Amino acid sequence: MQVFERGSDSSAARLLFVHGWQGDHTVWEGVINALGPQYRCVAVDLPGFGASRDAGGPYTLERFAAGLLEVIEERALAPVVVVGHSMGAKIALRLAIDAPEAVSSLVLIAPVPATPADFSEKGAAGLRATCGDPEAARKWLRRLFAGEPDPHALELVCAAAAQTPRDAGLESFESWSNADLSEAVRAMTAPAVVVAPESDNPEMQEQKVAALLPNARFVVLPGAGHYAMLEQPAEIAKILSWV
């Protein structure tokens, strides 16, 4: 797993950033730039994505979480604040379930459900069709922004999707969309902030993520879409200062 770091080992706050489906670490650059020197920021490219695209499978929540724990242990990050976007939020939950001592708190941005996603047959087929098809992925990704996307932001997410191998995209989709973490999540004690972009699906994110967590704060972010950290990096950085 490729790891990208900024900040000193002596920094008081440690943050581990986990990207979403068909993404990579570059989605966090604006947020990391907006944070001060008191933060040690570690971002990863999950196996099958970004600079880790040639890593072999399996491409599952369990494998991703185990890899994150290795990063935490190798770099002496524990206990760390885990910041996850979309699929990355569900990976963060899996990590906190499997290794609670390694996680101090969670920030879940536009999270997918902790329950199975329950897509319609057509919806699931449409998402699978984006894997390995850059044009289909571009059409899908464009719709995930609030309004007309910034060209640089759109190109960034499209480039990440374009370099994701089809098999990694498909296998990871089946893993996160079918996994049911709801029972284990209800037993978690780690503090969490669930950030629901206004133009994404805040109702689902409240009901199927925040409401399941015993110690969660739920925040709706006005004027933001699924890629809130690209649209409003300073606001996301401000939220990170809470934890």
Protein backbone atom coordinates (compact mmCIF):
# COMPACT_ATOMS: atom_id res chain seq x y z
CA MET A 1 0.00 0.00 0.00
CA GLN A 2 1.46 3.34 -1.06
CA VAL A 3 1.61 5.94 1.72
CA PHE A 4 1.94 9.73 1.44
CA GLU A 5 2.90 11.77 4.50
CA ARG A 6 3.10 15.37 5.57
CA GLY A 7 4.01 16.75 8.96
CA SER A 8 6.41 15.87 11.74
CA ASP A 9 6.47 12.79 13.96
CA SER A 10 6.23 15.24 16.86
CA SER A 11 2.94 16.73 15.64
CA ALA A 12 0.30 16.65 18.33
CA ALA A 13 -2.51 15.43 16.07
CA ARG A 14 -2.32 12.42 13.75
CA LEU A 15 -4.76 11.94 10.87
CA LEU A 16 -5.09 8.96 8.51
CA PHE A 17 -6.96 9.72 5.28
CA VAL A 18 -8.78 6.98 3.36
CA HIS A 19 -10.16 7.64 -0.13
CA GLY A 20 -13.34 6.27 -1.65
CA TRP A 21 -14.24 3.87 -4.44
CA GLN A 22 -12.22 4.32 -7.65
CA GLY A 23 -10.33 7.17 -5.96
CA ASP A 24 -6.85 7.84 -4.63
CA HIS A 25 -5.05 9.97 -2.06
CA THR A 26 -5.06 13.12 -4.22
CA VAL A 27 -8.64 13.94 -3.20
CA TRP A 28 -7.25 14.99 0.20
CA GLU A 29 -4.59 17.45 -0.98
CA GLY A 30 -6.72 20.57 -0.51
CA VAL A 31 -7.77 19.54 2.98
CA ILE A 32 -4.22 18.67 4.01
CA ASN A 33 -2.98 21.99 2.64
CA ALA A 34 -5.62 23.79 4.71
CA LEU A 35 -4.49 22.12 7.94
CA GLY A 36 -1.77 23.63 10.08
CA PRO A 37 1.67 22.24 10.97
CA GLN A 38 0.32 20.76 14.18
CA TYR A 39 -1.13 17.90 12.14
CA ARG A 40 0.71 14.83 10.94
CA CYS A 41 -1.24 13.75 7.86
CA VAL A 42 -0.94 10.29 6.36
CA ALA A 43 -2.90 9.44 3.21
CA VAL A 44 -2.94 6.09 1.43
CA ASP A 45 -3.70 4.60 -1.94
CA LEU A 46 -5.62 1.44 -1.16
CA PRO A 47 -4.61 -1.79 -2.94
CA GLY A 48 -5.99 -1.70 -6.47
CA PHE A 49 -6.17 2.10 -6.60
CA GLY A 50 -3.86 4.99 -7.46
CA ALA A 51 -0.18 4.22 -6.98
CA SER A 52 -1.20 0.87 -5.45
CA ARG A 53 -3.19 -0.20 -8.52
CA ASP A 54 -0.81 -3.07 -9.28
CA ALA A 55 -1.22 -4.63 -5.84
CA GLY A 56 -2.98 -7.96 -5.99
CA GLY A 57 -6.31 -8.74 -4.39
CA PRO A 58 -8.41 -9.48 -2.56
CA TYR A 59 -9.98 -6.04 -2.78
CA THR A 60 -12.21 -6.25 0.27
CA LEU A 61 -13.06 -4.15 3.32
CA GLU A 62 -11.24 -6.64 5.52
CA ARG A 63 -8.05 -6.54 3.46
CA PHE A 64 -8.14 -2.73 3.24
CA ALA A 65 -8.64 -2.38 7.01
CA ALA A 66 -5.82 -4.82 7.73
CA GLY A 67 -3.54 -2.80 5.46
CA LEU A 68 -4.44 0.41 7.29
CA LEU A 69 -3.61 -1.22 10.60
CA GLU A 70 -0.18 -2.15 9.21
CA VAL A 71 0.39 1.48 8.24
CA ILE A 72 -0.68 2.64 11.72
CA GLU A 73 1.67 0.17 13.41
CA GLU A 74 4.64 0.77 11.09
CA ARG A 75 4.43 4.54 11.58
CA ALA A 76 3.47 4.51 15.26
CA LEU A 77 0.30 6.50 14.61
CA ALA A 78 -1.98 4.92 17.19
CA PRO A 79 -4.32 6.15 18.40
CA VAL A 80 -5.14 7.98 15.18
CA VAL A 81 -8.06 9.97 13.81
CA VAL A 82 -9.28 8.09 10.73
CA VAL A 83 -10.84 10.28 8.02
CA GLY A 84 -12.75 8.28 5.43
CA HIS A 85 -14.68 9.30 2.33
CA SER A 86 -17.54 7.23 0.88
CA MET A 87 -16.24 3.63 0.68
CA GLY A 88 -13.29 4.83 2.75
CA ALA A 89 -15.70 5.68 5.57
CA LYS A 90 -16.92 2.07 5.66
CA ILE A 91 -13.31 0.89 5.67
CA ALA A 92 -12.69 3.23 8.62
CA LEU A 93 -15.60 1.62 10.46
CA ARG A 94 -14.21 -1.85 9.69
CA LEU A 95 -10.83 -0.78 11.08
CA ALA A 96 -12.38 0.66 14.25
CA ILE A 97 -14.33 -2.58 14.76
CA ASP A 98 -11.29 -4.80 14.21
CA ALA A 99 -8.69 -2.68 16.05
CA PRO A 100 -10.45 -0.23 18.39
CA GLU A 101 -7.23 0.51 20.27
CA ALA A 102 -5.70 1.96 17.09
CA VAL A 103 -8.47 4.50 16.46
CA SER A 104 -9.07 7.57 18.62
CA SER A 105 -12.00 8.91 16.57
CA LEU A 106 -13.57 8.86 13.13
CA VAL A 107 -14.54 11.53 10.62
CA LEU A 108 -16.82 10.00 7.98
CA ILE A 109 -17.42 12.18 4.92
CA ALA A 110 -20.30 11.29 2.58
CA PRO A 111 -20.23 7.73 3.91
CA VAL A 112 -21.80 4.79 2.15
CA PRO A 113 -24.25 2.90 4.40
CA ALA A 114 -22.94 0.80 7.28
CA THR A 115 -25.71 -1.58 6.23
CA PRO A 116 -25.86 -3.24 2.80
CA ALA A 117 -26.33 -0.54 0.17
CA ASP A 118 -29.54 -2.06 -1.18
CA PHE A 119 -29.08 -0.72 -4.70
CA SER A 120 -31.69 -1.51 -7.30
CA GLU A 121 -30.57 -3.99 -9.94
CA LYS A 122 -30.33 -1.13 -12.43
CA GLY A 123 -28.42 1.09 -10.01
CA ALA A 124 -25.86 -1.59 -9.18
CA ALA A 125 -25.41 -2.42 -12.87
CA GLY A 126 -24.83 1.24 -13.65
CA LEU A 127 -22.10 1.52 -11.03
CA ARG A 128 -20.41 -1.69 -12.16
CA ALA A 129 -20.44 -0.36 -15.72
CA THR A 130 -18.17 2.53 -14.68
CA CYS A 131 -15.35 0.11 -13.81
CA GLY A 132 -12.76 0.13 -16.57
CA ASP A 133 -14.78 2.55 -18.71
CA PRO A 134 -13.41 6.10 -18.38
CA GLU A 135 -16.26 7.73 -20.30
CA ALA A 136 -18.95 6.02 -18.22
CA ALA A 137 -17.01 6.94 -15.07
CA ARG A 138 -16.78 10.59 -16.12
CA LYS A 139 -20.55 10.85 -16.64
CA TRP A 140 -21.16 9.29 -13.24
CA LEU A 141 -18.55 11.37 -11.39
CA ARG A 142 -19.78 14.64 -12.87
CA ARG A 143 -23.15 14.05 -11.21
CA LEU A 144 -21.57 13.68 -7.78
CA PHE A 145 -20.64 17.35 -7.48
CA ALA A 146 -22.97 20.10 -6.29
CA GLY A 147 -23.62 22.06 -9.48
CA GLU A 148 -21.04 22.39 -12.22
CA PRO A 149 -17.78 20.81 -10.99
CA ASP A 150 -14.50 22.66 -10.92
CA PRO A 151 -12.58 21.39 -13.99
CA HIS A 152 -9.47 20.52 -11.97
CA ALA A 153 -11.49 18.60 -9.39
CA LEU A 154 -13.37 16.69 -12.07
CA GLU A 155 -10.17 15.78 -13.89
CA LEU A 156 -8.60 14.63 -10.63
CA VAL A 157 -11.37 12.15 -9.79
CA CYS A 158 -11.70 11.02 -13.42
CA ALA A 159 -7.97 10.31 -13.62
CA ALA A 160 -8.14 8.20 -10.46
CA ALA A 161 -11.09 6.21 -11.80
CA ALA A 162 -9.42 5.73 -15.19
CA GLN A 163 -6.38 4.07 -13.64
CA THR A 164 -8.39 1.74 -11.40
CA PRO A 165 -8.24 -1.80 -12.82
CA ARG A 166 -11.68 -3.19 -13.62
CA ASP A 167 -11.25 -6.24 -11.38
CA ALA A 168 -10.29 -4.07 -8.39
CA GLY A 169 -13.27 -1.80 -8.97
CA LEU A 170 -15.73 -4.67 -9.29
CA GLU A 171 -14.50 -6.73 -6.35
CA SER A 172 -14.31 -3.76 -3.99
CA PHE A 173 -17.81 -2.68 -5.06
CA GLU A 174 -19.25 -6.08 -4.15
CA SER A 175 -17.46 -5.95 -0.79
CA TRP A 176 -18.57 -2.52 0.38
CA SER A 177 -22.05 -2.60 -1.11
CA ASN A 178 -22.94 -5.97 0.45
CA ALA A 179 -21.20 -5.78 3.83
CA ASP A 180 -23.41 -5.32 6.87
CA LEU A 181 -21.52 -3.67 9.74
CA SER A 182 -24.60 -2.38 11.52
CA GLU A 183 -24.54 -4.71 14.53
CA ALA A 184 -20.83 -4.16 15.23
CA VAL A 185 -21.15 -0.40 14.65
CA ARG A 186 -23.84 -0.16 17.32
CA ALA A 187 -21.31 -1.45 19.85
CA MET A 188 -18.57 1.03 18.96
CA THR A 189 -17.52 3.61 21.53
CA ALA A 190 -15.11 5.75 19.48
CA PRO A 191 -16.33 9.34 18.90
CA ALA A 192 -17.35 10.03 15.33
CA VAL A 193 -18.34 12.97 13.17
CA VAL A 194 -20.54 12.10 10.20
CA VAL A 195 -20.37 14.80 7.52
CA ALA A 196 -23.33 14.64 5.14
CA PRO A 197 -23.04 16.91 2.07
CA GLU A 198 -26.34 18.66 1.43
CA SER A 199 -26.46 17.63 -2.24
CA ASP A 200 -25.49 14.01 -1.62
CA ASN A 201 -27.81 11.79 0.46
CA PRO A 202 -27.92 13.24 3.99
CA GLU A 203 -31.06 11.34 4.99
CA MET A 204 -29.43 7.99 4.29
CA GLN A 205 -26.17 9.06 5.93
CA GLU A 206 -28.03 10.03 9.09
CA GLN A 207 -30.20 6.92 9.25
CA LYS A 208 -27.71 4.27 8.09
CA VAL A 209 -24.52 5.64 9.59
CA ALA A 210 -24.87 8.35 12.25
CA ALA A 211 -27.94 6.87 13.95
CA LEU A 212 -26.15 3.54 14.36
CA LEU A 213 -23.11 5.01 16.10
CA PRO A 214 -23.52 5.50 19.87
CA ASN A 215 -21.18 8.49 20.02
CA ALA A 216 -21.70 10.35 16.75
CA ARG A 217 -22.12 13.98 15.83
CA PHE A 218 -24.06 14.52 12.59
CA VAL A 219 -23.28 17.55 10.41
CA VAL A 220 -24.95 18.57 7.16
CA LEU A 221 -22.57 20.55 4.94
CA PRO A 222 -24.51 23.11 2.87
CA GLY A 223 -23.74 23.55 -0.81
CA ALA A 224 -21.55 20.45 -1.09
CA GLY A 225 -21.82 17.25 -3.08
CA HIS A 226 -20.33 13.80 -2.62
CA TYR A 227 -16.80 15.15 -3.13
CA ALA A 228 -17.13 17.74 -0.38
CA MET A 229 -13.40 17.69 0.39
CA LEU A 230 -12.68 18.90 -3.15
CA GLU A 231 -15.48 21.47 -3.17
CA GLN A 232 -14.99 22.82 0.37
CA PRO A 233 -11.55 21.79 1.66
CA ALA A 234 -11.34 24.61 4.20
CA GLU A 235 -14.68 23.62 5.73
CA ILE A 236 -13.58 19.99 5.98
CA ALA A 237 -10.32 21.11 7.60
CA LYS A 238 -12.33 23.14 10.10
CA ILE A 239 -14.39 20.07 11.00
CA LEU A 240 -11.20 18.07 11.49
CA SER A 241 -10.08 20.63 14.05
CA TRP A 242 -12.99 19.47 16.26
CA VAL A 243 -11.51 16.01 16.83
